[in-house]
PDB file of N, CA and C in Angstrom:
ATOM      1  N   UNK A   1       1.018  -1.246  -0.518  1.00  0.00           N
ATOM      2  CA  UNK A   1       0.047  -0.005   0.077  1.00  0.00           C
ATOM      3  C   UNK A   1       1.304   1.265  -0.018  1.00  0.00           C
ATOM      4  N   UNK A   2       1.695   1.274  -0.640  1.00  0.00           N
ATOM      5  CA  UNK A   2       2.506   2.405  -1.018  1.00  0.00           C
ATOM      6  C   UNK A   2       2.077   3.964  -1.360  1.00  0.00           C
ATOM      7  N   UNK A   3       0.703   3.839  -2.088  1.00  0.00           N
ATOM      8  CA  UNK A   3       0.154   4.898  -2.498  1.00  0.00           C
ATOM      9  C   UNK A   3      -0.111   5.982  -0.827  1.00  0.00           C
ATOM     10  N   UNK A   4      -0.802   4.681   0.141  1.00  0.00           N
ATOM     11  CA  UNK A   4      -1.968   5.063   0.860  1.00  0.00           C
ATOM     12  C   UNK A   4      -0.516   5.992   1.979  1.00  0.00           C
ATOM     13  N   UNK A   5       0.703   5.957   2.084  1.00  0.00           N
ATOM     14  CA  UNK A   5       1.941   5.772   2.378  1.00  0.00           C
ATOM     15  C   UNK A   5       2.117   7.458   2.297  1.00  0.00           C
ATOM     16  N   UNK A   6       2.315   7.374   0.586  1.00  0.00           N
ATOM     17  CA  UNK A   6       2.573   8.673   0.094  1.00  0.00           C
ATOM     18  C   UNK A   6       1.329   9.503   0.588  1.00  0.00           C
ATOM     19  N   UNK A   7      -0.132   9.151   0.440  1.00  0.00           N
ATOM     20  CA  UNK A   7      -0.959   9.984   0.818  1.00  0.00           C
ATOM     21  C   UNK A   7      -0.734  10.520   2.307  1.00  0.00           C
ATOM     22  N   UNK A   8      -0.801   9.813   2.688  1.00  0.00           N
ATOM     23  CA  UNK A   8       0.038  10.266   4.407  1.00  0.00           C
ATOM     24  C   UNK A   8       0.739  11.619   4.563  1.00  0.00           C
ATOM     25  N   UNK A   9       1.938  11.235   3.728  1.00  0.00           N
ATOM     26  CA  UNK A   9       3.078  11.909   4.043  1.00  0.00           C
ATOM     27  C   UNK A   9       2.114  14.288   3.248  1.00  0.00           C
ATOM     28  N   UNK A  10       1.697  13.601   1.684  1.00  0.00           N
ATOM     29  CA  UNK A  10       0.934  14.212   1.741  1.00  0.00           C
ATOM     30  C   UNK A  10       0.300  15.649   2.813  1.00  0.00           C
ATOM     31  N   UNK A  11      -0.878  14.387   3.437  1.00  0.00           N
ATOM     32  CA  UNK A  11      -1.586  14.888   4.551  1.00  0.00           C
ATOM     33  C   UNK A  11      -0.550  15.777   5.498  1.00  0.00           C
ATOM     34  N   UNK A  12       0.468  15.093   5.985  1.00  0.00           N
ATOM     35  CA  UNK A  12       0.846  15.514   6.876  1.00  0.00           C
ATOM     36  C   UNK A  12       1.623  16.974   6.757  1.00  0.00           C
ATOM     37  N   UNK A  13       2.369  17.159   5.437  1.00  0.00           N
ATOM     38  CA  UNK A  13       2.880  18.349   4.557  1.00  0.00           C
ATOM     39  C   UNK A  13       1.752  19.281   5.259  1.00  0.00           C
ATOM     40  N   UNK A  14       0.543  18.987   4.086  1.00  0.00           N
ATOM     41  CA  UNK A  14      -0.417  20.160   4.303  1.00  0.00           C
ATOM     42  C   UNK A  14      -0.690  20.758   5.484  1.00  0.00           C
ATOM     43  N   UNK A  15      -1.032  19.907   6.310  1.00  0.00           N
ATOM     44  CA  UNK A  15      -1.320  19.885   7.653  1.00  0.00           C
ATOM     45  C   UNK A  15      -0.069  20.735   8.735  1.00  0.00           C
ATOM     46  N   UNK A  16       0.875  20.436   8.344  1.00  0.00           N
ATOM     47  CA  UNK A  16       1.922  21.265   8.271  1.00  0.00           C
ATOM     48  C   UNK A  16       2.000  22.814   7.956  1.00  0.00           C
ATOM     49  N   UNK A  17       1.453  22.988   6.733  1.00  0.00           N
ATOM     50  CA  UNK A  17       1.424  24.056   6.082  1.00  0.00           C
ATOM     51  C   UNK A  17       0.084  25.002   6.589  1.00  0.00           C
ATOM     52  N   UNK A  18      -1.076  24.223   6.597  1.00  0.00           N
ATOM     53  CA  UNK A  18      -2.158  25.054   7.482  1.00  0.00           C
ATOM     54  C   UNK A  18      -1.350  25.745   8.896  1.00  0.00           C
ATOM     55  N   UNK A  19      -0.465  24.895   9.590  1.00  0.00           N
ATOM     56  CA  UNK A  19      -0.940  25.507  11.163  1.00  0.00           C
ATOM     57  C   UNK A  19       0.316  26.429  11.261  1.00  0.00           C
ATOM     58  N   UNK A  20       1.386  26.618  10.123  1.00  0.00           N
ATOM     59  CA  UNK A  20       2.516  27.481  10.081  1.00  0.00           C
ATOM     60  C   UNK A  20       1.728  28.901   9.387  1.00  0.00           C
ATOM     61  N   UNK A  21       0.599  28.758   8.493  1.00  0.00           N
ATOM     62  CA  UNK A  21       0.168  29.818   8.629  1.00  0.00           C
ATOM     63  C   UNK A  21      -0.597  30.686   9.418  1.00  0.00           C
ATOM     64  N   UNK A  22      -1.334  29.458  10.054  1.00  0.00           N
ATOM     65  CA  UNK A  22      -1.903  30.540  11.326  1.00  0.00           C
ATOM     66  C   UNK A  22      -1.528  30.686  12.005  1.00  0.00           C
ATOM     67  N   UNK A  23      -0.144  30.256  12.213  1.00  0.00           N
ATOM     68  CA  UNK A  23       0.884  30.776  13.534  1.00  0.00           C
ATOM     69  C   UNK A  23       1.526  32.027  12.999  1.00  0.00           C
ATOM     70  N   UNK A  24       1.476  32.574  11.490  1.00  0.00           N
ATOM     71  CA  UNK A  24       2.136  33.186  10.856  1.00  0.00           C
ATOM     72  C   UNK A  24       1.230  34.646  11.335  1.00  0.00           C
ATOM     73  N   UNK A  25      -0.401  34.215  11.688  1.00  0.00           N
ATOM     74  CA  UNK A  25      -1.167  35.392  12.070  1.00  0.00           C
ATOM     75  C   UNK A  25      -1.415  35.730  13.453  1.00  0.00           C
ATOM     76  N   UNK A  26      -0.210  35.318  13.835  1.00  0.00           N
ATOM     77  CA  UNK A  26      -0.450  35.590  15.325  1.00  0.00           C
ATOM     78  C   UNK A  26       0.909  36.539  15.533  1.00  0.00           C
ATOM     79  N   UNK A  27       0.848  37.647  17.038  1.00  0.00           N
ATOM     80  CA  UNK A  27       2.285  38.014  17.333  1.00  0.00           C
ATOM     81  C   UNK A  27       3.268  37.077  17.804  1.00  0.00           C
ATOM     82  N   UNK A  28       4.269  37.222  16.899  1.00  0.00           N
ATOM     83  CA  UNK A  28       5.355  36.480  16.992  1.00  0.00           C
ATOM     84  C   UNK A  28       6.534  37.355  17.247  1.00  0.00           C
ATOM     85  N   UNK A  29       7.772  36.787  17.685  1.00  0.00           N
ATOM     86  CA  UNK A  29       8.822  38.009  17.734  1.00  0.00           C
ATOM     87  C   UNK A  29       9.693  37.791  16.296  1.00  0.00           C
ATOM     88  N   UNK A  30      10.532  38.210  15.671  1.00  0.00           N
ATOM     89  CA  UNK A  30      11.544  38.427  14.460  1.00  0.00           C
ATOM     90  C   UNK A  30      11.649  37.168  14.414  1.00  0.00           C
ATOM     91  N   UNK A  31      12.618  36.623  15.494  1.00  0.00           N
ATOM     92  CA  UNK A  31      13.015  35.493  15.286  1.00  0.00           C
ATOM     93  C   UNK A  31      12.139  34.142  15.056  1.00  0.00           C
ATOM     94  N   UNK A  32      11.215  34.268  15.673  1.00  0.00           N
ATOM     95  CA  UNK A  32       9.736  32.825  15.746  1.00  0.00           C
ATOM     96  C   UNK A  32       9.098  33.041  14.031  1.00  0.00           C
ATOM     97  N   UNK A  33       9.259  34.210  13.780  1.00  0.00           N
ATOM     98  CA  UNK A  33       8.751  34.421  12.689  1.00  0.00           C
ATOM     99  C   UNK A  33       9.725  33.855  11.261  1.00  0.00           C
ATOM    100  N   UNK A  34      11.034  34.430  11.630  1.00  0.00           N
ATOM    101  CA  UNK A  34      11.856  33.808  10.731  1.00  0.00           C
ATOM    102  C   UNK A  34      12.053  32.162  10.345  1.00  0.00           C
ATOM    103  N   UNK A  35      12.244  31.821  11.760  1.00  0.00           N
ATOM    104  CA  UNK A  35      11.946  29.920  11.627  1.00  0.00           C
ATOM    105  C   UNK A  35      10.619  29.667  11.580  1.00  0.00           C
ATOM    106  N   UNK A  36       9.358  30.165  10.995  1.00  0.00           N
ATOM    107  CA  UNK A  36       8.229  29.661  10.767  1.00  0.00           C
ATOM    108  C   UNK A  36       8.109  29.935   9.341  1.00  0.00           C
ATOM    109  N   UNK A  37       8.559  31.351   9.046  1.00  0.00           N
ATOM    110  CA  UNK A  37       8.861  31.002   7.274  1.00  0.00           C
ATOM    111  C   UNK A  37      10.167  30.358   6.819  1.00  0.00           C
ATOM    112  N   UNK A  38      10.865  29.918   7.549  1.00  0.00           N
ATOM    113  CA  UNK A  38      11.842  28.847   6.601  1.00  0.00           C
ATOM    114  C   UNK A  38      11.127  27.643   6.695  1.00  0.00           C
ATOM    115  N   UNK A  39      10.314  27.247   7.683  1.00  0.00           N
ATOM    116  CA  UNK A  39       9.608  26.188   8.237  1.00  0.00           C
ATOM    117  C   UNK A  39       8.825  25.469   6.590  1.00  0.00           C
ATOM    118  N   UNK A  40       7.748  26.973   7.204  1.00  0.00           N
ATOM    119  CA  UNK A  40       6.632  27.554   6.045  1.00  0.00           C
ATOM    120  C   UNK A  40       7.351  26.742   4.761  1.00  0.00           C
ATOM    121  N   UNK A  41       8.343  27.362   4.462  1.00  0.00           N
ATOM    122  CA  UNK A  41       9.306  27.161   2.851  1.00  0.00           C
ATOM    123  C   UNK A  41       9.438  25.792   2.488  1.00  0.00           C
ATOM    124  N   UNK A  42      10.219  25.118   3.680  1.00  0.00           N
ATOM    125  CA  UNK A  42      10.656  23.646   3.630  1.00  0.00           C
ATOM    126  C   UNK A  42       9.953  22.835   3.303  1.00  0.00           C
ATOM    127  N   UNK A  43       8.462  23.154   4.191  1.00  0.00           N
ATOM    128  CA  UNK A  43       7.023  21.887   4.410  1.00  0.00           C
ATOM    129  C   UNK A  43       6.424  22.125   2.650  1.00  0.00           C
ATOM    130  N   UNK A  44       6.349  23.514   2.230  1.00  0.00           N
ATOM    131  CA  UNK A  44       6.001  23.908   0.521  1.00  0.00           C
ATOM    132  C   UNK A  44       6.648  23.091  -0.368  1.00  0.00           C
ATOM    133  N   UNK A  45       7.781  22.951  -0.192  1.00  0.00           N
ATOM    134  CA  UNK A  45       8.774  22.564  -1.044  1.00  0.00           C
ATOM    135  C   UNK A  45       9.239  21.291  -0.768  1.00  0.00           C
ATOM    136  N   UNK A  46       8.206  20.802   0.024  1.00  0.00           N
ATOM    137  CA  UNK A  46       8.710  18.982   0.343  1.00  0.00           C
ATOM    138  C   UNK A  46       7.129  18.520  -0.391  1.00  0.00           C
ATOM    139  N   UNK A  47       5.799  19.034  -0.036  1.00  0.00           N
ATOM    140  CA  UNK A  47       4.729  18.371  -0.048  1.00  0.00           C
ATOM    141  C   UNK A  47       5.259  18.461  -2.396  1.00  0.00           C
ATOM    142  N   UNK A  48       5.468  20.048  -2.885  1.00  0.00           N
ATOM    143  CA  UNK A  48       5.611  20.230  -3.948  1.00  0.00           C
ATOM    144  C   UNK A  48       6.099  18.922  -4.783  1.00  0.00           C
ATOM    145  N   UNK A  49       7.279  18.497  -4.523  1.00  0.00           N
ATOM    146  CA  UNK A  49       8.053  17.511  -4.667  1.00  0.00           C
ATOM    147  C   UNK A  49       7.487  15.822  -4.369  1.00  0.00           C
ATOM    148  N   UNK A  50       6.878  15.597  -3.265  1.00  0.00           N
ATOM    149  CA  UNK A  50       6.559  14.794  -2.744  1.00  0.00           C
ATOM    150  C   UNK A  50       4.807  14.385  -4.222  1.00  0.00           C
ATOM    151  N   UNK A  51       4.535  15.498  -4.235  1.00  0.00           N
ATOM    152  CA  UNK A  51       3.151  15.303  -5.281  1.00  0.00           C
ATOM    153  C   UNK A  51       3.807  15.236  -6.397  1.00  0.00           C
ATOM    154  N   UNK A  52       4.685  15.758  -7.286  1.00  0.00           N
ATOM    155  CA  UNK A  52       5.392  15.345  -8.579  1.00  0.00           C
ATOM    156  C   UNK A  52       5.400  14.014  -8.595  1.00  0.00           C
ATOM    157  N   UNK A  53       6.386  13.415  -7.127  1.00  0.00           N
ATOM    158  CA  UNK A  53       6.517  12.514  -7.658  1.00  0.00           C
ATOM    159  C   UNK A  53       5.568  11.124  -7.382  1.00  0.00           C
ATOM    160  N   UNK A  54       4.401  11.438  -6.723  1.00  0.00           N
ATOM    161  CA  UNK A  54       3.082  10.313  -6.295  1.00  0.00           C
ATOM    162  C   UNK A  54       2.736  10.787  -7.624  1.00  0.00           C
ATOM    163  N   UNK A  55       2.145  11.673  -8.020  1.00  0.00           N
ATOM    164  CA  UNK A  55       0.986  12.026  -9.261  1.00  0.00           C
ATOM    165  C   UNK A  55       1.845  12.749 -10.205  1.00  0.00           C
ATOM    166  N   UNK A  56       2.704  12.264 -11.032  1.00  0.00           N
ATOM    167  CA  UNK A  56       3.914  12.545 -11.714  1.00  0.00           C
ATOM    168  C   UNK A  56       2.927  13.140 -13.147  1.00  0.00           C
ATOM    169  N   UNK A  57       1.737  13.333 -13.273  1.00  0.00           N
ATOM    170  CA  UNK A  57       1.257  13.041 -14.555  1.00  0.00           C
ATOM    171  C   UNK A  57       0.455  14.899 -14.791  1.00  0.00           C
ATOM    172  N   UNK A  58       0.003  15.494 -14.738  1.00  0.00           N
ATOM    173  CA  UNK A  58      -0.106  17.088 -14.785  1.00  0.00           C
ATOM    174  C   UNK A  58      -1.075  17.401 -15.850  1.00  0.00           C
ATOM    175  N   UNK A  59      -2.261  17.563 -15.494  1.00  0.00           N
ATOM    176  CA  UNK A  59      -3.628  18.288 -16.447  1.00  0.00           C
ATOM    177  C   UNK A  59      -3.550  19.488 -16.390  1.00  0.00           C
ATOM    178  N   UNK A  60      -3.371  20.185 -17.860  1.00  0.00           N
ATOM    179  CA  UNK A  60      -3.689  21.500 -17.660  1.00  0.00           C
ATOM    180  C   UNK A  60      -4.756  21.327 -18.423  1.00  0.00           C
ATOM    181  N   UNK A  61      -5.536  22.422 -19.040  1.00  0.00           N
ATOM    182  CA  UNK A  61      -6.753  23.095 -19.555  1.00  0.00           C
ATOM    183  C   UNK A  61      -6.259  23.961 -20.804  1.00  0.00           C
ATOM    184  N   UNK A  62      -6.455  23.268 -22.347  1.00  0.00           N
ATOM    185  CA  UNK A  62      -5.791  23.621 -22.916  1.00  0.00           C
ATOM    186  C   UNK A  62      -6.529  25.084 -23.350  1.00  0.00           C
ATOM    187  N   UNK A  63      -5.785  25.944 -24.136  1.00  0.00           N
ATOM    188  CA  UNK A  63      -6.220  27.292 -24.523  1.00  0.00           C
ATOM    189  C   UNK A  63      -6.764  27.414 -25.600  1.00  0.00           C
ATOM    190  N   UNK A  64      -7.688  27.673 -26.125  1.00  0.00           N
ATOM    191  CA  UNK A  64      -8.240  27.737 -26.961  1.00  0.00           C
ATOM    192  C   UNK A  64      -9.117  29.261 -27.530  1.00  0.00           C
ATOM    193  N   UNK A  65      -8.669  29.389 -28.689  1.00  0.00           N
ATOM    194  CA  UNK A  65      -8.900  31.296 -28.785  1.00  0.00           C
ATOM    195  C   UNK A  65     -10.307  31.074 -29.221  1.00  0.00           C
ATOM    196  N   UNK A  66     -10.831  32.237 -28.410  1.00  0.00           N
ATOM    197  CA  UNK A  66     -12.204  32.199 -28.616  1.00  0.00           C
ATOM    198  C   UNK A  66     -13.360  32.570 -29.955  1.00  0.00           C
ATOM    199  N   UNK A  67     -13.935  31.308 -30.146  1.00  0.00           N
ATOM    200  CA  UNK A  67     -14.831  31.525 -31.302  1.00  0.00           C
ATOM    201  C   UNK A  67     -15.534  32.683 -31.551  1.00  0.00           C
ATOM    202  N   UNK A  68     -15.785  32.665 -33.106  1.00  0.00           N
ATOM    203  CA  UNK A  68     -16.846  33.607 -33.409  1.00  0.00           C
ATOM    204  C   UNK A  68     -17.546  33.265 -32.916  1.00  0.00           C
ATOM    205  N   UNK A  69     -18.446  34.869 -32.527  1.00  0.00           N
ATOM    206  CA  UNK A  69     -19.912  34.813 -31.726  1.00  0.00           C
ATOM    207  C   UNK A  69     -20.030  34.702 -30.759  1.00  0.00           C
ATOM    208  N   UNK A  70     -18.453  34.586 -29.824  1.00  0.00           N
ATOM    209  CA  UNK A  70     -18.969  34.266 -28.453  1.00  0.00           C
ATOM    210  C   UNK A  70     -18.213  35.152 -27.584  1.00  0.00           C
ATOM    211  N   UNK A  71     -17.518  35.895 -28.164  1.00  0.00           N
ATOM    212  CA  UNK A  71     -16.715  36.786 -27.386  1.00  0.00           C
ATOM    213  C   UNK A  71     -17.926  38.378 -27.108  1.00  0.00           C
ATOM    214  N   UNK A  72     -18.869  38.312 -28.042  1.00  0.00           N
ATOM    215  CA  UNK A  72     -19.639  39.768 -27.595  1.00  0.00           C
ATOM    216  C   UNK A  72     -19.837  40.536 -28.579  1.00  0.00           C
ATOM    217  N   UNK A  73     -19.927  39.760 -30.294  1.00  0.00           N
ATOM    218  CA  UNK A  73     -20.069  40.017 -31.664  1.00  0.00           C
ATOM    219  C   UNK A  73     -21.181  40.964 -31.784  1.00  0.00           C
ATOM    220  N   UNK A  74     -21.378  42.081 -32.274  1.00  0.00           N
ATOM    221  CA  UNK A  74     -22.577  42.640 -32.451  1.00  0.00           C
ATOM    222  C   UNK A  74     -23.203  42.093 -33.905  1.00  0.00           C
ATOM    223  N   UNK A  75     -24.444  41.678 -33.966  1.00  0.00           N
ATOM    224  CA  UNK A  75     -24.828  41.401 -35.503  1.00  0.00           C
ATOM    225  C   UNK A  75     -25.416  42.291 -36.299  1.00  0.00           C
TER     226      UNK A  75
END
C-alpha cells in the first residue's frame, strides 16, 4: 500500500503548512517569525516534490482561441 503512505505524507505536509500559516497570523518575535517562515518554505517544497513524484501526470486545460460570436460580437 505504497500510495496510502504517500497520501499520508502529503496530508502531513499540508497540515503543517496550514498550521504554520495560522501561526504567522499571530503575534511573534522576529526570530519566531523567521523560523516559521523557513519551516513553511521547507514544507511547501517537500509537498511539491512529493506530489510531483506521487502524481507525475499534470493535467492542464488547453487554451483555445475564442470562437466567433462568443466574444460579444454585434450582429
